[in-house]
N, C-alpha and C. Protein backbone atom coordinates (compact mmCIF):
# COMPACT_ATOMS: atom_id res chain seq x y z
N UNK A 1 -9.16 -20.76 7.21
CA UNK A 1 -7.97 -19.96 7.24
C UNK A 1 -6.79 -20.87 6.92
N UNK A 2 -6.03 -20.47 5.96
CA UNK A 2 -4.90 -21.29 5.59
C UNK A 2 -3.59 -20.54 5.71
N UNK A 3 -2.54 -21.28 5.69
CA UNK A 3 -1.21 -20.68 5.72
C UNK A 3 -0.77 -20.45 4.27
N UNK A 4 -0.38 -19.25 3.97
CA UNK A 4 0.00 -18.88 2.62
C UNK A 4 1.48 -18.52 2.61
N UNK A 5 2.25 -19.09 1.69
CA UNK A 5 3.66 -18.68 1.63
C UNK A 5 3.76 -17.23 1.20
N UNK A 6 4.67 -16.53 1.78
CA UNK A 6 4.85 -15.12 1.49
C UNK A 6 6.33 -14.81 1.46
N UNK A 7 6.69 -13.69 0.91
CA UNK A 7 8.09 -13.28 0.86
C UNK A 7 8.22 -11.98 1.64
N UNK A 8 9.16 -11.96 2.56
CA UNK A 8 9.36 -10.75 3.35
C UNK A 8 10.10 -9.70 2.53
N UNK A 9 10.27 -8.53 3.10
CA UNK A 9 10.95 -7.45 2.39
C UNK A 9 12.40 -7.82 2.07
N UNK A 10 12.99 -8.62 2.89
CA UNK A 10 14.39 -8.97 2.68
C UNK A 10 14.55 -10.18 1.76
N UNK A 11 13.43 -10.69 1.24
CA UNK A 11 13.50 -11.78 0.28
C UNK A 11 13.40 -13.17 0.89
N UNK A 12 13.26 -13.25 2.21
CA UNK A 12 13.13 -14.56 2.84
C UNK A 12 11.68 -15.02 2.77
N UNK A 13 11.50 -16.33 2.62
CA UNK A 13 10.13 -16.85 2.61
C UNK A 13 9.60 -16.91 4.03
N UNK A 14 8.38 -16.45 4.20
CA UNK A 14 7.72 -16.51 5.50
C UNK A 14 6.35 -17.12 5.30
N UNK A 15 5.64 -17.35 6.37
CA UNK A 15 4.26 -17.84 6.28
C UNK A 15 3.34 -16.76 6.81
N UNK A 16 2.31 -16.47 6.05
CA UNK A 16 1.33 -15.48 6.46
C UNK A 16 -0.03 -16.16 6.51
N UNK A 17 -0.88 -15.70 7.39
CA UNK A 17 -2.22 -16.26 7.51
C UNK A 17 -3.13 -15.60 6.47
N UNK A 18 -3.87 -16.41 5.74
CA UNK A 18 -4.82 -15.91 4.75
C UNK A 18 -6.05 -15.40 5.50
N UNK A 19 -6.30 -14.09 5.42
CA UNK A 19 -7.40 -13.48 6.17
C UNK A 19 -8.70 -13.41 5.36
N UNK A 20 -8.70 -13.87 4.12
CA UNK A 20 -9.88 -13.74 3.26
C UNK A 20 -11.14 -14.37 3.87
N UNK A 21 -11.11 -15.60 4.39
CA UNK A 21 -12.34 -16.17 4.96
C UNK A 21 -12.87 -15.36 6.14
N UNK A 22 -11.99 -14.85 6.97
CA UNK A 22 -12.44 -14.05 8.12
C UNK A 22 -13.09 -12.77 7.64
N UNK A 23 -12.49 -12.13 6.64
CA UNK A 23 -13.05 -10.89 6.11
C UNK A 23 -14.41 -11.15 5.49
N UNK A 24 -14.56 -12.26 4.76
CA UNK A 24 -15.87 -12.59 4.17
C UNK A 24 -16.92 -12.80 5.25
N UNK A 25 -16.57 -13.49 6.31
CA UNK A 25 -17.52 -13.73 7.41
C UNK A 25 -17.92 -12.41 8.05
N UNK A 26 -16.95 -11.54 8.31
CA UNK A 26 -17.26 -10.25 8.92
C UNK A 26 -18.14 -9.40 8.01
N UNK A 27 -17.86 -9.38 6.72
CA UNK A 27 -18.66 -8.59 5.79
C UNK A 27 -20.09 -9.12 5.71
N UNK A 28 -20.26 -10.43 5.70
CA UNK A 28 -21.62 -10.97 5.65
C UNK A 28 -22.36 -10.68 6.95
N UNK A 29 -21.65 -10.71 8.07
CA UNK A 29 -22.27 -10.36 9.35
C UNK A 29 -22.71 -8.90 9.35
N UNK A 30 -21.86 -8.00 8.85
CA UNK A 30 -22.22 -6.58 8.80
C UNK A 30 -23.39 -6.33 7.86
N UNK A 31 -23.42 -7.03 6.73
CA UNK A 31 -24.53 -6.88 5.79
C UNK A 31 -25.83 -7.36 6.43
N UNK A 32 -25.78 -8.46 7.16
CA UNK A 32 -26.97 -8.95 7.85
C UNK A 32 -27.44 -8.00 8.93
N UNK A 33 -26.51 -7.42 9.67
CA UNK A 33 -26.88 -6.46 10.71
C UNK A 33 -27.52 -5.22 10.09
N UNK A 34 -26.98 -4.76 8.97
CA UNK A 34 -27.56 -3.60 8.29
C UNK A 34 -28.97 -3.92 7.79
N UNK A 35 -29.17 -5.14 7.29
CA UNK A 35 -30.49 -5.55 6.82
C UNK A 35 -31.49 -5.58 7.98
N UNK A 36 -31.07 -6.10 9.13
CA UNK A 36 -31.96 -6.14 10.29
C UNK A 36 -32.33 -4.74 10.75
N UNK A 37 -31.38 -3.83 10.75
CA UNK A 37 -31.68 -2.45 11.16
C UNK A 37 -32.66 -1.82 10.19
N UNK A 38 -32.48 -2.08 8.90
CA UNK A 38 -33.39 -1.53 7.89
C UNK A 38 -34.79 -2.11 8.05
N UNK A 39 -34.88 -3.41 8.31
CA UNK A 39 -36.19 -4.03 8.49
C UNK A 39 -36.87 -3.56 9.77
N UNK A 40 -36.08 -3.28 10.79
CA UNK A 40 -36.64 -2.86 12.07
C UNK A 40 -37.25 -1.47 11.97
N UNK A 41 -36.69 -0.60 11.13
CA UNK A 41 -37.18 0.78 11.04
C UNK A 41 -37.15 1.24 9.59
N UNK A 42 -38.08 0.74 8.75
CA UNK A 42 -38.03 1.08 7.33
C UNK A 42 -38.39 2.53 7.02
N UNK A 43 -39.09 3.21 7.93
CA UNK A 43 -39.51 4.59 7.66
C UNK A 43 -38.53 5.63 8.13
N UNK A 44 -37.37 5.23 8.59
CA UNK A 44 -36.42 6.19 9.16
C UNK A 44 -35.97 7.21 8.12
N UNK A 45 -35.67 6.77 6.91
CA UNK A 45 -35.17 7.71 5.90
C UNK A 45 -36.26 8.67 5.47
N UNK A 46 -37.50 8.21 5.35
CA UNK A 46 -38.58 9.12 4.96
C UNK A 46 -38.86 10.13 6.07
N UNK A 47 -38.72 9.71 7.32
CA UNK A 47 -38.89 10.67 8.42
C UNK A 47 -37.79 11.72 8.40
N UNK A 48 -36.56 11.30 8.07
CA UNK A 48 -35.46 12.27 7.98
C UNK A 48 -35.73 13.30 6.89
N UNK A 49 -36.29 12.85 5.76
CA UNK A 49 -36.61 13.77 4.67
C UNK A 49 -37.69 14.75 5.12
N UNK A 50 -38.70 14.26 5.84
CA UNK A 50 -39.76 15.13 6.33
C UNK A 50 -39.21 16.16 7.31
N UNK A 51 -38.32 15.74 8.19
CA UNK A 51 -37.74 16.65 9.17
C UNK A 51 -36.92 17.72 8.46
N UNK A 52 -36.15 17.34 7.44
CA UNK A 52 -35.37 18.33 6.69
C UNK A 52 -36.28 19.33 6.01
N UNK A 53 -37.41 18.86 5.46
CA UNK A 53 -38.35 19.77 4.81
C UNK A 53 -38.96 20.73 5.82
N UNK A 54 -39.27 20.25 7.02
CA UNK A 54 -39.81 21.12 8.06
C UNK A 54 -38.79 22.16 8.49
N UNK A 55 -37.53 21.77 8.60
CA UNK A 55 -36.47 22.71 8.97
C UNK A 55 -36.31 23.77 7.89
N UNK A 56 -36.35 23.37 6.62
CA UNK A 56 -36.23 24.33 5.53
C UNK A 56 -37.40 25.31 5.52
N UNK A 57 -38.62 24.79 5.77
CA UNK A 57 -39.79 25.67 5.81
C UNK A 57 -39.70 26.65 6.97
N UNK A 58 -39.26 26.19 8.13
CA UNK A 58 -39.11 27.08 9.28
C UNK A 58 -38.05 28.13 9.01
N UNK A 59 -36.99 27.76 8.34
CA UNK A 59 -35.94 28.71 7.99
C UNK A 59 -36.48 29.77 7.02
N UNK A 60 -37.29 29.34 6.05
CA UNK A 60 -37.89 30.30 5.12
C UNK A 60 -38.83 31.26 5.84
N UNK A 61 -39.63 30.74 6.77
CA UNK A 61 -40.54 31.61 7.53
C UNK A 61 -39.75 32.62 8.36
N UNK A 62 -38.66 32.18 8.96
CA UNK A 62 -37.84 33.09 9.76
C UNK A 62 -37.21 34.16 8.88
N UNK A 63 -36.79 33.79 7.68
CA UNK A 63 -36.22 34.78 6.76
C UNK A 63 -37.28 35.77 6.32
N UNK A 64 -38.51 35.31 6.10
CA UNK A 64 -39.60 36.22 5.73
C UNK A 64 -39.92 37.19 6.86
N UNK A 65 -39.83 36.74 8.08
CA UNK A 65 -40.14 37.61 9.22
C UNK A 65 -39.06 38.68 9.39
N UNK A 66 -37.84 38.40 8.99
CA UNK A 66 -36.75 39.37 9.13
C UNK A 66 -36.80 40.45 8.07
N UNK A 67 -37.44 40.18 6.94
CA UNK A 67 -37.52 41.18 5.87
C UNK A 67 -38.45 42.32 6.30
N UNK A 68 -38.08 43.54 5.96
CA UNK A 68 -38.97 44.66 6.31
C UNK A 68 -40.25 44.61 5.47
N UNK A 69 -41.35 44.96 6.10
CA UNK A 69 -42.64 44.95 5.39
C UNK A 69 -42.67 46.12 4.42
N UNK A 70 -43.14 45.86 3.20
CA UNK A 70 -43.23 46.95 2.21
C UNK A 70 -44.47 47.78 2.50
N UNK A 71 -44.33 49.09 2.33
CA UNK A 71 -45.42 50.01 2.68
C UNK A 71 -46.43 50.15 1.60
């Protein structure tokens, strides 16, 4: 983290802290955490797709049951 010269709104020179290294560290930490979560449960997305398909099928069956039977 370094001190970077900056200019305030009124035109005076001020010193601002350069946040780039901190942001890079935080982003790499978040990327690593996301990777660990993905490695811990790689089948989560496929299970979500299966659950959505089951919900859609149940909804279709319920809609079929509500339709009047043709004579």
